[in-house]
C-alpha atoms as a PDB file:
ATOM      1  CA  MET A   1      -4.584   7.282   9.248  1.00  0.00           C
ATOM      2  CA  PRO A   2      -8.309   6.694   9.631  1.00  0.00           C
ATOM      3  CA  ARG A   3      -9.966   5.488   6.472  1.00  0.00           C
ATOM      4  CA  ASN A   4     -13.452   6.107   5.101  1.00  0.00           C
ATOM      5  CA  ARG A   5     -14.728   7.515   8.354  1.00  0.00           C
ATOM      6  CA  LEU A   6     -18.294   8.780   8.265  1.00  0.00           C
ATOM      7  CA  THR A   7     -19.356  10.471  11.463  1.00  0.00           C
ATOM      8  CA  PRO A   8     -23.023  10.396  12.504  1.00  0.00           C
ATOM      9  CA  ALA A   9     -23.248  14.095  11.704  1.00  0.00           C
ATOM     10  CA  VAL A  10     -21.931  13.555   8.194  1.00  0.00           C
ATOM     11  CA  ALA A  11     -24.155  10.540   7.650  1.00  0.00           C
ATOM     12  CA  LEU A  12     -27.248  12.519   8.631  1.00  0.00           C
ATOM     13  CA  ALA A  13     -26.176  15.420   6.450  1.00  0.00           C
ATOM     14  CA  LEU A  14     -25.680  13.172   3.447  1.00  0.00           C
ATOM     15  CA  LEU A  15     -29.034  11.493   3.953  1.00  0.00           C
ATOM     16  CA  ALA A  16     -30.867  14.735   4.432  1.00  0.00           C
ATOM     17  CA  GLY A  17     -29.327  16.506   1.451  1.00  0.00           C
ATOM     18  CA  PRO A  18     -29.203  20.275   0.879  1.00  0.00           C
ATOM     19  CA  ALA A  19     -32.098  22.605   0.272  1.00  0.00           C
ATOM     20  CA  LEU A  20     -32.904  23.558  -3.307  1.00  0.00           C
ATOM     21  CA  ALA A  21     -29.884  25.384  -4.677  1.00  0.00           C
ATOM     22  CA  ALA A  22     -29.585  28.260  -7.066  1.00  0.00           C
ATOM     23  CA  CYS A  23     -27.221  28.007 -10.033  1.00  0.00           C
ATOM     24  CA  ASP A  24     -24.248  29.251  -7.998  1.00  0.00           C
ATOM     25  CA  GLY A  25     -24.854  26.764  -5.227  1.00  0.00           C
ATOM     26  CA  SER A  26     -26.309  29.327  -2.822  1.00  0.00           C
ATOM     27  CA  SER A  27     -29.410  28.409  -0.837  1.00  0.00           C
ATOM     28  CA  ALA A  28     -31.192  29.034   2.419  1.00  0.00           C
ATOM     29  CA  ALA A  29     -28.886  26.420   3.907  1.00  0.00           C
ATOM     30  CA  SER A  30     -25.732  28.033   2.530  1.00  0.00           C
ATOM     31  CA  ASP A  31     -25.392  30.243   5.577  1.00  0.00           C
ATOM     32  CA  ALA A  32     -25.183  27.214   7.867  1.00  0.00           C
ATOM     33  CA  GLU A  33     -21.902  27.104   9.752  1.00  0.00           C
ATOM     34  CA  VAL A  34     -20.630  23.952   8.069  1.00  0.00           C
ATOM     35  CA  VAL A  35     -18.417  22.935   5.158  1.00  0.00           C
ATOM     36  CA  THR A  36     -18.153  19.370   3.852  1.00  0.00           C
ATOM     37  CA  VAL A  37     -14.852  18.064   2.501  1.00  0.00           C
ATOM     38  CA  TYR A  38     -14.494  14.927   0.368  1.00  0.00           C
ATOM     39  CA  SER A  39     -10.819  13.978   0.393  1.00  0.00           C
ATOM     40  CA  THR A  40      -8.347  11.298  -0.470  1.00  0.00           C
ATOM     41  CA  ASP A  41      -6.456   9.889   2.494  1.00  0.00           C
ATOM     42  CA  GLY A  42      -3.015  10.967   3.680  1.00  0.00           C
ATOM     43  CA  LEU A  43      -3.449  14.376   5.302  1.00  0.00           C
ATOM     44  CA  LYS A  44      -5.351  13.335   8.426  1.00  0.00           C
ATOM     45  CA  GLY A  45      -3.319  11.881  11.284  1.00  0.00           C
ATOM     46  CA  GLU A  46      -3.754   8.568  13.060  1.00  0.00           C
ATOM     47  CA  ASN A  47      -3.951  10.342  16.407  1.00  0.00           C
ATOM     48  CA  GLY A  48      -5.372  13.703  15.422  1.00  0.00           C
ATOM     49  CA  ASP A  49      -1.906  15.025  14.647  1.00  0.00           C
ATOM     50  CA  GLY A  50      -2.085  15.470  10.867  1.00  0.00           C
ATOM     51  CA  TRP A  51      -2.108  18.631   8.778  1.00  0.00           C
ATOM     52  CA  TYR A  52      -5.853  18.393   8.226  1.00  0.00           C
ATOM     53  CA  ASP A  53      -6.422  18.026  11.968  1.00  0.00           C
ATOM     54  CA  LYS A  54      -4.535  21.272  12.666  1.00  0.00           C
ATOM     55  CA  VAL A  55      -5.976  23.185   9.705  1.00  0.00           C
ATOM     56  CA  PHE A  56      -9.581  22.170  10.381  1.00  0.00           C
ATOM     57  CA  ALA A  57      -9.332  22.916  14.116  1.00  0.00           C
ATOM     58  CA  ASP A  58      -7.791  26.345  13.455  1.00  0.00           C
ATOM     59  CA  PHE A  59     -10.370  27.087  10.742  1.00  0.00           C
ATOM     60  CA  GLU A  60     -13.286  26.191  13.024  1.00  0.00           C
ATOM     61  CA  LYS A  61     -11.822  28.310  15.824  1.00  0.00           C
ATOM     62  CA  GLN A  62     -11.267  31.325  13.563  1.00  0.00           C
ATOM     63  CA  THR A  63     -14.499  31.202  11.556  1.00  0.00           C
ATOM     64  CA  GLY A  64     -16.978  29.176  13.612  1.00  0.00           C
ATOM     65  CA  ILE A  65     -17.551  26.986  10.554  1.00  0.00           C
ATOM     66  CA  LYS A  66     -17.510  23.267  11.341  1.00  0.00           C
ATOM     67  CA  VAL A  67     -15.673  20.975   8.925  1.00  0.00           C
ATOM     68  CA  GLU A  68     -17.437  17.710   8.100  1.00  0.00           C
ATOM     69  CA  TYR A  69     -14.918  15.255   6.651  1.00  0.00           C
ATOM     70  CA  VAL A  70     -15.431  12.231   4.385  1.00  0.00           C
ATOM     71  CA  GLU A  71     -12.388  10.206   3.302  1.00  0.00           C
ATOM     72  CA  GLY A  72     -11.685   7.563   0.672  1.00  0.00           C
ATOM     73  CA  GLY A  73      -9.520   6.703  -2.321  1.00  0.00           C
ATOM     74  CA  SER A  74      -9.081   9.402  -4.972  1.00  0.00           C
ATOM     75  CA  GLY A  75     -11.171   7.579  -7.580  1.00  0.00           C
ATOM     76  CA  GLU A  76     -13.756   6.653  -4.973  1.00  0.00           C
ATOM     77  CA  MET A  77     -14.267  10.276  -3.956  1.00  0.00           C
ATOM     78  CA  VAL A  78     -14.638  11.438  -7.557  1.00  0.00           C
ATOM     79  CA  GLN A  79     -17.124   8.668  -8.322  1.00  0.00           C
ATOM     80  CA  ARG A  80     -19.131   9.639  -5.257  1.00  0.00           C
ATOM     81  CA  ALA A  81     -19.236  13.236  -6.443  1.00  0.00           C
ATOM     82  CA  VAL A  82     -20.334  12.030  -9.896  1.00  0.00           C
ATOM     83  CA  ARG A  83     -23.235  10.086  -8.382  1.00  0.00           C
ATOM     84  CA  GLU A  84     -24.288  13.160  -6.420  1.00  0.00           C
ATOM     85  CA  LYS A  85     -23.848  15.613  -9.293  1.00  0.00           C
ATOM     86  CA  SER A  86     -27.559  16.437  -9.519  1.00  0.00           C
ATOM     87  CA  ASN A  87     -27.720  16.964  -5.753  1.00  0.00           C
ATOM     88  CA  PRO A  88     -24.202  17.803  -4.500  1.00  0.00           C
ATOM     89  CA  GLN A  89     -23.338  16.994  -0.890  1.00  0.00           C
ATOM     90  CA  ALA A  90     -19.687  18.120  -0.795  1.00  0.00           C
ATOM     91  CA  ASP A  91     -18.374  21.665  -0.880  1.00  0.00           C
ATOM     92  CA  VAL A  92     -14.660  20.959  -1.364  1.00  0.00           C
ATOM     93  CA  LEU A  93     -13.061  18.027  -3.196  1.00  0.00           C
ATOM     94  CA  VAL A  94      -9.406  17.136  -2.550  1.00  0.00           C
ATOM     95  CA  THR A  95      -7.841  14.396  -4.642  1.00  0.00           C
ATOM     96  CA  LEU A  96      -4.670  13.391  -6.466  1.00  0.00           C
ATOM     97  CA  PRO A  97      -3.928  13.510 -10.204  1.00  0.00           C
ATOM     98  CA  PRO A  98      -5.250  12.270 -12.556  1.00  0.00           C
ATOM     99  CA  PHE A  99      -8.512  12.250 -10.626  1.00  0.00           C
ATOM    100  CA  ILE A 100      -8.577  15.998 -10.007  1.00  0.00           C
ATOM    101  CA  GLN A 101      -8.310  16.506 -13.787  1.00  0.00           C
ATOM    102  CA  GLN A 102     -11.074  13.938 -14.200  1.00  0.00           C
ATOM    103  CA  ALA A 103     -13.265  15.850 -11.754  1.00  0.00           C
ATOM    104  CA  GLY A 104     -12.653  19.043 -13.712  1.00  0.00           C
ATOM    105  CA  SER A 105     -13.415  17.506 -17.109  1.00  0.00           C
ATOM    106  CA  ARG A 106     -16.660  16.023 -15.762  1.00  0.00           C
ATOM    107  CA  GLY A 107     -17.922  19.397 -14.618  1.00  0.00           C
ATOM    108  CA  LEU A 108     -17.689  18.587 -10.917  1.00  0.00           C
ATOM    109  CA  LEU A 109     -15.670  21.704 -10.079  1.00  0.00           C
ATOM    110  CA  GLN A 110     -16.502  25.379 -10.389  1.00  0.00           C
ATOM    111  CA  THR A 111     -13.953  28.077 -11.115  1.00  0.00           C
ATOM    112  CA  TYR A 112     -12.352  29.601  -8.046  1.00  0.00           C
ATOM    113  CA  ALA A 113      -8.824  30.880  -7.473  1.00  0.00           C
ATOM    114  CA  PRO A 114      -8.116  30.815  -3.721  1.00  0.00           C
ATOM    115  CA  GLN A 115      -6.228  33.694  -2.151  1.00  0.00           C
ATOM    116  CA  GLY A 116      -2.520  32.978  -2.559  1.00  0.00           C
ATOM    117  CA  SER A 117      -2.992  30.747  -5.611  1.00  0.00           C
ATOM    118  CA  GLU A 118      -0.918  33.193  -7.652  1.00  0.00           C
ATOM    119  CA  GLN A 119       2.045  31.769  -5.715  1.00  0.00           C
ATOM    120  CA  VAL A 120       1.293  28.217  -6.893  1.00  0.00           C
ATOM    121  CA  SER A 121       3.276  27.059  -9.940  1.00  0.00           C
ATOM    122  CA  GLY A 122       1.356  26.732 -13.180  1.00  0.00           C
ATOM    123  CA  ALA A 123       1.817  22.962 -13.349  1.00  0.00           C
ATOM    124  CA  ASP A 124       0.228  22.629  -9.899  1.00  0.00           C
ATOM    125  CA  LYS A 125      -3.079  24.292 -10.726  1.00  0.00           C
ATOM    126  CA  ALA A 126      -5.681  24.094 -13.472  1.00  0.00           C
ATOM    127  CA  ALA A 127      -5.402  26.511 -16.364  1.00  0.00           C
ATOM    128  CA  ASP A 128      -9.165  27.083 -16.152  1.00  0.00           C
ATOM    129  CA  GLY A 129      -9.048  27.817 -12.414  1.00  0.00           C
ATOM    130  CA  THR A 130     -11.063  24.802 -11.273  1.00  0.00           C
ATOM    131  CA  TRP A 131      -8.440  23.371  -8.873  1.00  0.00           C
ATOM    132  CA  THR A 132      -5.274  24.329  -7.033  1.00  0.00           C
ATOM    133  CA  SER A 133      -2.701  22.215  -5.218  1.00  0.00           C
ATOM    134  CA  VAL A 134      -2.748  22.740  -1.451  1.00  0.00           C
ATOM    135  CA  VAL A 135       0.057  20.298  -0.533  1.00  0.00           C
ATOM    136  CA  ASN A 136       2.785  19.243  -2.931  1.00  0.00           C
ATOM    137  CA  ASN A 137       3.850  15.630  -2.880  1.00  0.00           C
ATOM    138  CA  TYR A 138       5.653  12.896  -4.839  1.00  0.00           C
ATOM    139  CA  PHE A 139       4.886   9.284  -5.607  1.00  0.00           C
ATOM    140  CA  GLY A 140       7.032   6.639  -3.935  1.00  0.00           C
ATOM    141  CA  PHE A 141       7.268   3.197  -2.368  1.00  0.00           C
ATOM    142  CA  VAL A 142       7.956   1.994   1.173  1.00  0.00           C
ATOM    143  CA  TYR A 143       9.949  -0.981   2.421  1.00  0.00           C
ATOM    144  CA  ASN A 144      10.543  -2.605   5.814  1.00  0.00           C
ATOM    145  CA  LYS A 145      13.954  -1.415   7.021  1.00  0.00           C
ATOM    146  CA  LYS A 146      14.124  -4.089   9.711  1.00  0.00           C
ATOM    147  CA  GLU A 147      13.536  -7.080   7.418  1.00  0.00           C
ATOM    148  CA  LEU A 148      15.482  -5.807   4.396  1.00  0.00           C
ATOM    149  CA  LYS A 149      19.130  -4.753   4.691  1.00  0.00           C
ATOM    150  CA  ARG A 150      18.607  -2.089   2.036  1.00  0.00           C
ATOM    151  CA  ALA A 151      15.866  -0.670  -0.114  1.00  0.00           C
ATOM    152  CA  PRO A 152      15.252  -2.406  -3.445  1.00  0.00           C
ATOM    153  CA  LYS A 153      16.770  -0.466  -6.325  1.00  0.00           C
ATOM    154  CA  THR A 154      14.931  -1.676  -9.415  1.00  0.00           C
ATOM    155  CA  TRP A 155      11.523  -2.924 -10.488  1.00  0.00           C
ATOM    156  CA  ASP A 156      13.076  -6.271 -11.402  1.00  0.00           C
ATOM    157  CA  GLU A 157      14.188  -6.901  -7.807  1.00  0.00           C
ATOM    158  CA  LEU A 158      10.534  -7.087  -6.845  1.00  0.00           C
ATOM    159  CA  LEU A 159      10.103 -10.193  -9.006  1.00  0.00           C
ATOM    160  CA  ASP A 160      12.312 -12.174  -6.624  1.00  0.00           C
ATOM    161  CA  ALA A 161      10.604 -15.042  -4.773  1.00  0.00           C
ATOM    162  CA  ARG A 162      11.385 -13.429  -1.390  1.00  0.00           C
ATOM    163  CA  TYR A 163       8.600 -10.922  -2.122  1.00  0.00           C
ATOM    164  CA  ARG A 164       5.911 -13.550  -2.791  1.00  0.00           C
ATOM    165  CA  ASN A 165       2.834 -12.564  -0.759  1.00  0.00           C
ATOM    166  CA  LYS A 166       4.977  -9.824   0.797  1.00  0.00           C
ATOM    167  CA  LEU A 167       4.265  -7.113  -1.772  1.00  0.00           C
ATOM    168  CA  GLN A 168       1.114  -5.126  -2.415  1.00  0.00           C
ATOM    169  CA  TYR A 169       0.086  -2.007  -4.297  1.00  0.00           C
ATOM    170  CA  SER A 170      -3.239  -0.207  -4.215  1.00  0.00           C
ATOM    171  CA  THR A 171      -5.668  -0.570  -7.100  1.00  0.00           C
ATOM    172  CA  PRO A 172      -5.201   1.586 -10.218  1.00  0.00           C
ATOM    173  CA  GLY A 173      -8.362   3.464 -11.084  1.00  0.00           C
ATOM    174  CA  VAL A 174      -9.525   3.405  -7.457  1.00  0.00           C
ATOM    175  CA  ALA A 175      -6.609   4.793  -5.447  1.00  0.00           C
ATOM    176  CA  GLY A 176      -4.537   7.769  -6.592  1.00  0.00           C
ATOM    177  CA  ASP A 177      -1.257   6.156  -5.535  1.00  0.00           C
ATOM    178  CA  GLY A 178      -2.344   2.888  -7.165  1.00  0.00           C
ATOM    179  CA  THR A 179      -2.917   4.688 -10.444  1.00  0.00           C
ATOM    180  CA  ALA A 180       0.514   6.244  -9.955  1.00  0.00           C
ATOM    181  CA  VAL A 181       2.097   2.763 -10.003  1.00  0.00           C
ATOM    182  CA  LEU A 182       0.780   2.319 -13.529  1.00  0.00           C
ATOM    183  CA  ILE A 183       1.854   5.822 -14.621  1.00  0.00           C
ATOM    184  CA  LYS A 184       5.402   5.392 -13.318  1.00  0.00           C
ATOM    185  CA  ALA A 185       5.738   1.908 -14.800  1.00  0.00           C
ATOM    186  CA  VAL A 186       4.688   3.184 -18.233  1.00  0.00           C
ATOM    187  CA  HIS A 187       7.339   5.905 -17.967  1.00  0.00           C
ATOM    188  CA  ASP A 188      10.111   3.699 -16.603  1.00  0.00           C
ATOM    189  CA  PHE A 189       9.582   0.811 -19.032  1.00  0.00           C
ATOM    190  CA  GLY A 190       9.145   3.075 -22.033  1.00  0.00           C
ATOM    191  CA  GLY A 191       5.543   2.303 -22.916  1.00  0.00           C
ATOM    192  CA  LYS A 192       2.226   0.852 -21.834  1.00  0.00           C
ATOM    193  CA  ASP A 193       2.729  -2.613 -23.309  1.00  0.00           C
ATOM    194  CA  GLU A 194       6.117  -3.014 -21.649  1.00  0.00           C
ATOM    195  CA  ALA A 195       4.747  -1.794 -18.317  1.00  0.00           C
ATOM    196  CA  LEU A 196       1.785  -4.180 -18.442  1.00  0.00           C
ATOM    197  CA  ALA A 197       4.050  -7.097 -19.327  1.00  0.00           C
ATOM    198  CA  TYR A 198       6.079  -6.362 -16.201  1.00  0.00           C
ATOM    199  CA  LEU A 199       3.042  -5.899 -13.947  1.00  0.00           C
ATOM    200  CA  LYS A 200       1.684  -9.215 -15.220  1.00  0.00           C
ATOM    201  CA  LYS A 201       4.869 -10.913 -13.971  1.00  0.00           C
ATOM    202  CA  LEU A 202       4.753  -8.970 -10.703  1.00  0.00           C
ATOM    203  CA  GLN A 203       1.287 -10.339 -10.022  1.00  0.00           C
ATOM    204  CA  ALA A 204       2.866 -13.618  -8.851  1.00  0.00           C
ATOM    205  CA  ASN A 205       4.141 -11.750  -5.768  1.00  0.00           C
ATOM    206  CA  ASN A 206       1.250  -9.325  -5.297  1.00  0.00           C
ATOM    207  CA  VAL A 207      -1.043  -9.958  -2.311  1.00  0.00           C
ATOM    208  CA  GLY A 208      -4.016  -8.479  -4.144  1.00  0.00           C
ATOM    209  CA  PRO A 209      -6.129  -5.335  -4.516  1.00  0.00           C
ATOM    210  CA  SER A 210      -6.412  -2.558  -1.943  1.00  0.00           C
ATOM    211  CA  ALA A 211      -8.730   0.418  -2.238  1.00  0.00           C
ATOM    212  CA  SER A 212      -6.666   2.460   0.216  1.00  0.00           C
ATOM    213  CA  THR A 213      -2.940   3.085  -0.044  1.00  0.00           C
ATOM    214  CA  GLY A 214      -2.748   4.362   3.510  1.00  0.00           C
ATOM    215  CA  LYS A 215      -3.633   0.922   4.890  1.00  0.00           C
ATOM    216  CA  LEU A 216      -0.498  -0.613   3.371  1.00  0.00           C
ATOM    217  CA  ALA A 217       2.200   1.252   5.311  1.00  0.00           C
ATOM    218  CA  PRO A 218       1.174  -0.206   8.710  1.00  0.00           C
ATOM    219  CA  LYS A 219       1.447  -3.684   7.187  1.00  0.00           C
ATOM    220  CA  VAL A 220       4.948  -2.885   5.943  1.00  0.00           C
ATOM    221  CA  ASP A 221       5.949  -1.497   9.328  1.00  0.00           C
ATOM    222  CA  LYS A 222       4.773  -4.704  11.043  1.00  0.00           C
ATOM    223  CA  GLY A 223       6.529  -6.942   8.514  1.00  0.00           C
ATOM    224  CA  GLU A 224       3.313  -8.376   7.068  1.00  0.00           C
ATOM    225  CA  LEU A 225       4.531  -6.844   3.803  1.00  0.00           C
ATOM    226  CA  LEU A 226       8.082  -6.069   2.736  1.00  0.00           C
ATOM    227  CA  VAL A 227       7.184  -3.537   0.028  1.00  0.00           C
ATOM    228  CA  ALA A 228       4.176  -1.409  -0.885  1.00  0.00           C
ATOM    229  CA  ASN A 229       3.403   1.730  -2.818  1.00  0.00           C
ATOM    230  CA  GLY A 230       2.679   5.069  -1.200  1.00  0.00           C
ATOM    231  CA  ASP A 231       3.718   8.690  -1.483  1.00  0.00           C
ATOM    232  CA  VAL A 232       6.394  10.783   0.172  1.00  0.00           C
ATOM    233  CA  GLN A 233       4.128  13.036   2.251  1.00  0.00           C
ATOM    234  CA  MET A 234       1.933  10.308   3.690  1.00  0.00           C
ATOM    235  CA  ASN A 235       4.741   7.859   4.337  1.00  0.00           C
ATOM    236  CA  HIS A 236       7.075  10.453   5.870  1.00  0.00           C
ATOM    237  CA  ALA A 237       4.294  11.453   8.260  1.00  0.00           C
ATOM    238  CA  GLN A 238       3.536   7.802   9.058  1.00  0.00           C
ATOM    239  CA  ALA A 239       7.201   7.014   9.710  1.00  0.00           C
ATOM    240  CA  LYS A 240       7.075   9.136  12.873  1.00  0.00           C
ATOM    241  CA  SER A 241       5.009   6.400  14.508  1.00  0.00           C
ATOM    242  CA  MET A 242       6.130   3.518  12.253  1.00  0.00           C
ATOM    243  CA  PRO A 243       9.910   3.217  12.747  1.00  0.00           C
ATOM    244  CA  ASN A 244      10.423   0.392  10.244  1.00  0.00           C
ATOM    245  CA  LEU A 245       9.222   2.391   7.226  1.00  0.00           C
ATOM    246  CA  GLY A 246      11.739   3.436   4.585  1.00  0.00           C
ATOM    247  CA  ILE A 247      10.901   5.410   1.426  1.00  0.00           C
ATOM    248  CA  TRP A 248      12.400   4.462  -1.942  1.00  0.00           C
ATOM    249  CA  PHE A 249      11.890   4.952  -5.690  1.00  0.00           C
ATOM    250  CA  PRO A 250      12.349   2.198  -8.322  1.00  0.00           C
ATOM    251  CA  ALA A 251      14.957   3.118 -10.936  1.00  0.00           C
ATOM    252  CA  GLY A 252      14.183   3.742 -14.563  1.00  0.00           C
ATOM    253  CA  GLN A 253      15.970   2.066 -17.465  1.00  0.00           C
ATOM    254  CA  ASP A 254      19.035   4.288 -16.992  1.00  0.00           C
ATOM    255  CA  GLY A 255      19.446   3.097 -13.399  1.00  0.00           C
ATOM    256  CA  ARG A 256      18.380   6.391 -11.812  1.00  0.00           C
ATOM    257  CA  PRO A 257      15.431   6.460  -9.405  1.00  0.00           C
ATOM    258  CA  THR A 258      12.427   8.349 -10.766  1.00  0.00           C
ATOM    259  CA  THR A 259       9.204   9.840  -9.501  1.00  0.00           C
ATOM    260  CA  PHE A 260       6.663  12.478 -10.405  1.00  0.00           C
ATOM    261  CA  ALA A 261       4.682  15.135  -8.565  1.00  0.00           C
ATOM    262  CA  LEU A 262       1.467  13.862  -7.026  1.00  0.00           C
ATOM    263  CA  PRO A 263      -0.011  16.890  -5.250  1.00  0.00           C
ATOM    264  CA  TYR A 264      -3.123  17.056  -3.129  1.00  0.00           C
ATOM    265  CA  ALA A 265      -5.275  19.282  -5.320  1.00  0.00           C
ATOM    266  CA  ALA A 266      -8.435  20.989  -4.104  1.00  0.00           C
ATOM    267  CA  GLY A 267     -11.423  22.432  -5.908  1.00  0.00           C
ATOM    268  CA  LEU A 268     -14.807  23.961  -5.114  1.00  0.00           C
ATOM    269  CA  VAL A 269     -17.632  21.591  -6.030  1.00  0.00           C
ATOM    270  CA  THR A 270     -20.102  22.780  -8.658  1.00  0.00           C
ATOM    271  CA  LYS A 271     -23.371  23.889  -7.024  1.00  0.00           C
ATOM    272  CA  ALA A 272     -21.890  23.144  -3.610  1.00  0.00           C
ATOM    273  CA  PRO A 273     -24.479  23.509  -0.841  1.00  0.00           C
ATOM    274  CA  HIS A 274     -22.132  25.831   1.088  1.00  0.00           C
ATOM    275  CA  SER A 275     -20.040  27.455  -1.644  1.00  0.00           C
ATOM    276  CA  GLU A 276     -19.043  30.508   0.361  1.00  0.00           C
ATOM    277  CA  ASN A 277     -17.795  28.363   3.244  1.00  0.00           C
ATOM    278  CA  GLY A 278     -15.912  26.230   0.730  1.00  0.00           C
ATOM    279  CA  ARG A 279     -14.176  29.332  -0.623  1.00  0.00           C
ATOM    280  CA  LYS A 280     -13.201  30.373   2.891  1.00  0.00           C
ATOM    281  CA  LEU A 281     -11.699  26.950   3.626  1.00  0.00           C
ATOM    282  CA  LEU A 282      -9.722  26.904   0.367  1.00  0.00           C
ATOM    283  CA  ASP A 283      -8.356  30.386   1.160  1.00  0.00           C
ATOM    284  CA  PHE A 284      -7.432  29.192   4.645  1.00  0.00           C
ATOM    285  CA  MET A 285      -5.636  26.042   3.473  1.00  0.00           C
ATOM    286  CA  LEU A 286      -3.517  28.066   1.052  1.00  0.00           C
ATOM    287  CA  ALA A 287      -2.704  30.867   3.525  1.00  0.00           C
ATOM    288  CA  ARG A 288       0.964  31.372   4.423  1.00  0.00           C
ATOM    289  CA  LYS A 289       0.632  30.142   8.023  1.00  0.00           C
ATOM    290  CA  GLN A 290      -1.002  26.866   7.025  1.00  0.00           C
ATOM    291  CA  GLN A 291       1.454  26.380   4.167  1.00  0.00           C
ATOM    292  CA  GLN A 292       4.365  26.978   6.535  1.00  0.00           C
ATOM    293  CA  GLU A 293       3.071  24.070   8.634  1.00  0.00           C
ATOM    294  CA  VAL A 294       2.816  21.589   5.748  1.00  0.00           C
ATOM    295  CA  SER A 295       6.242  20.007   6.284  1.00  0.00           C
ATOM    296  CA  GLU A 296       6.471  20.012  10.073  1.00  0.00           C
ATOM    297  CA  ILE A 297       2.915  18.827  10.717  1.00  0.00           C
ATOM    298  CA  GLY A 298       1.893  17.147   7.464  1.00  0.00           C
ATOM    299  CA  GLY A 299       5.189  15.768   6.220  1.00  0.00           C
ATOM    300  CA  GLY A 300       4.654  17.316   2.797  1.00  0.00           C
ATOM    301  CA  PHE A 301       5.827  20.173   0.635  1.00  0.00           C
ATOM    302  CA  SER A 302       4.259  23.639   0.565  1.00  0.00           C
ATOM    303  CA  ALA A 303       2.251  24.393  -2.567  1.00  0.00           C
ATOM    304  CA  ARG A 304       3.346  28.046  -2.461  1.00  0.00           C
ATOM    305  CA  ARG A 305       6.596  29.159  -4.068  1.00  0.00           C
ATOM    306  CA  ASP A 306       6.996  31.995  -1.572  1.00  0.00           C
ATOM    307  CA  VAL A 307       6.991  29.661   1.462  1.00  0.00           C
ATOM    308  CA  THR A 308      10.357  28.140   2.362  1.00  0.00           C
ATOM    309  CA  ALA A 309      10.302  25.747   5.289  1.00  0.00           C
ATOM    310  CA  THR A 310      13.491  25.184   7.296  1.00  0.00           C
ATOM    311  CA  ASP A 311      12.230  22.785   9.960  1.00  0.00           C
ATOM    312  CA  ALA A 312      13.745  19.330  10.491  1.00  0.00           C
ATOM    313  CA  ASP A 313      11.037  17.646   8.435  1.00  0.00           C
ATOM    314  CA  ALA A 314      11.633  19.973   5.503  1.00  0.00           C
ATOM    315  CA  ILE A 315      15.343  19.136   5.607  1.00  0.00           C
ATOM    316  CA  ALA A 316      14.585  15.397   5.802  1.00  0.00           C
ATOM    317  CA  LEU A 317      12.184  15.649   2.851  1.00  0.00           C
ATOM    318  CA  THR A 318      14.837  17.398   0.763  1.00  0.00           C
ATOM    319  CA  LYS A 319      17.252  14.566   1.573  1.00  0.00           C
ATOM    320  CA  ILE A 320      14.689  11.933   0.533  1.00  0.00           C
ATOM    321  CA  MET A 321      14.327  13.594  -2.866  1.00  0.00           C
ATOM    322  CA  ASP A 322      18.076  14.046  -3.403  1.00  0.00           C
ATOM    323  CA  GLY A 323      19.239  12.301  -6.589  1.00  0.00           C
ATOM    324  CA  VAL A 324      15.724  11.355  -7.710  1.00  0.00           C
ATOM    325  CA  ASP A 325      14.739  12.328 -11.255  1.00  0.00           C
ATOM    326  CA  VAL A 326      11.307  13.985 -11.410  1.00  0.00           C
ATOM    327  CA  PHE A 327       9.394  13.591 -14.675  1.00  0.00           C
ATOM    328  CA  GLU A 328       6.093  15.190 -15.705  1.00  0.00           C
ATOM    329  CA  PRO A 329       3.389  12.812 -16.962  1.00  0.00           C
ATOM    330  CA  ASP A 330       1.165  13.767 -19.880  1.00  0.00           C
ATOM    331  CA  TRP A 331      -1.877  14.439 -17.724  1.00  0.00           C
ATOM    332  CA  ALA A 332      -4.075  15.372 -20.672  1.00  0.00           C
ATOM    333  CA  ASP A 333      -3.423  11.976 -22.272  1.00  0.00           C
ATOM    334  CA  ILE A 334      -3.914  10.173 -18.956  1.00  0.00           C
ATOM    335  CA  ASP A 335      -7.186  11.987 -18.293  1.00  0.00           C
ATOM    336  CA  LYS A 336      -8.436  11.058 -21.760  1.00  0.00           C
ATOM    337  CA  ASN A 337      -7.296   7.417 -21.688  1.00  0.00           C
ATOM    338  CA  LEU A 338      -7.329   6.480 -17.999  1.00  0.00           C
ATOM    339  CA  GLY A 339     -10.323   4.173 -18.384  1.00  0.00           C
ATOM    340  CA  SER A 340      -8.684   2.135 -21.134  1.00  0.00           C
ATOM    341  CA  TYR A 341      -5.353   2.027 -19.265  1.00  0.00           C
ATOM    342  CA  VAL A 342      -7.079   0.612 -16.185  1.00  0.00           C
ATOM    343  CA  GLU A 343      -9.010  -1.943 -18.245  1.00  0.00           C
ATOM    344  CA  ASP A 344      -5.781  -3.029 -19.942  1.00  0.00           C
ATOM    345  CA  TRP A 345      -4.149  -3.366 -16.509  1.00  0.00           C
ATOM    346  CA  LYS A 346      -7.037  -5.531 -15.319  1.00  0.00           C
ATOM    347  CA  SER A 347      -6.703  -7.761 -18.375  1.00  0.00           C
ATOM    348  CA  ALA A 348      -2.942  -8.082 -18.002  1.00  0.00           C
ATOM    349  CA  THR A 349      -3.001  -8.894 -14.293  1.00  0.00           C
ATOM    350  CA  GLY A 350      -6.285 -10.805 -14.109  1.00  0.00           C
ATOM    351  CA  SER A 351      -7.534  -8.361 -11.469  1.00  0.00           C
END
């Protein structure tokens, strides 16, 4: 999937900046037929065949509003929005936990409940109405099915010498899925100190940092890597054109594979230059038709409880999750302490 693309139109828009905005983000420019989305990677296809590609094209056709798209790691997108807080450039921010909570706590998101959000489970939207999941998802890993006879089962297997310079995970604090590695390790090993002790040992096999998780799956498919982190939605979608990708989940201490929900969550940016267009896009993304297409086109899970997909991809996704224990992280604690967790990870791994 394309990474960090900045089209000439977006670049000019970002350089020019919006007209002076009122407190609600309205301005003379707010009526312009454009909406700017800052998003983590994973929902846009390599060949224009992703869920975003379909949703944005249909939205533009129906409304006449052009979608300008800027992509990067979850932490990267939030940090960009922080830098632009006094002069916002984005209208909609889409990112993974815990970065969507971070965006909310930093005042980057305004309250808006998209149409249909009443059908989104409470755990998948903010209590204060600042963000709502638009595609449900789960954290996972990928392995090369051609080079490995079976998927690894445990964290400890990854310490084997066969994985030296053949394993990589994206950077905690920068990438959403990279941060998820740290969150899952803390859960599976029973505490932060135990998780960091393991990740310190794993560093002997780790290729090094990566700002983008999406760049790792192609390397696994080609055999440049044997194992990398990812997430179910993105990797399932990638596997359609990358036949050597297999999805797996390291087991916890009881021997059962574990994961946790890692939804794509969207919010309306505070003082967005085109707030009304941002509201329209959020409504559109959460509409039943678009949610029905999440599995077949995007490889993910609908955020709405009243949408039940029965396509082949939905069935395959259910099979992937069969027998996997899903735990719920303490997002409030992670939001509060993420900075220190990342610094401790850097110290432990020498990153």
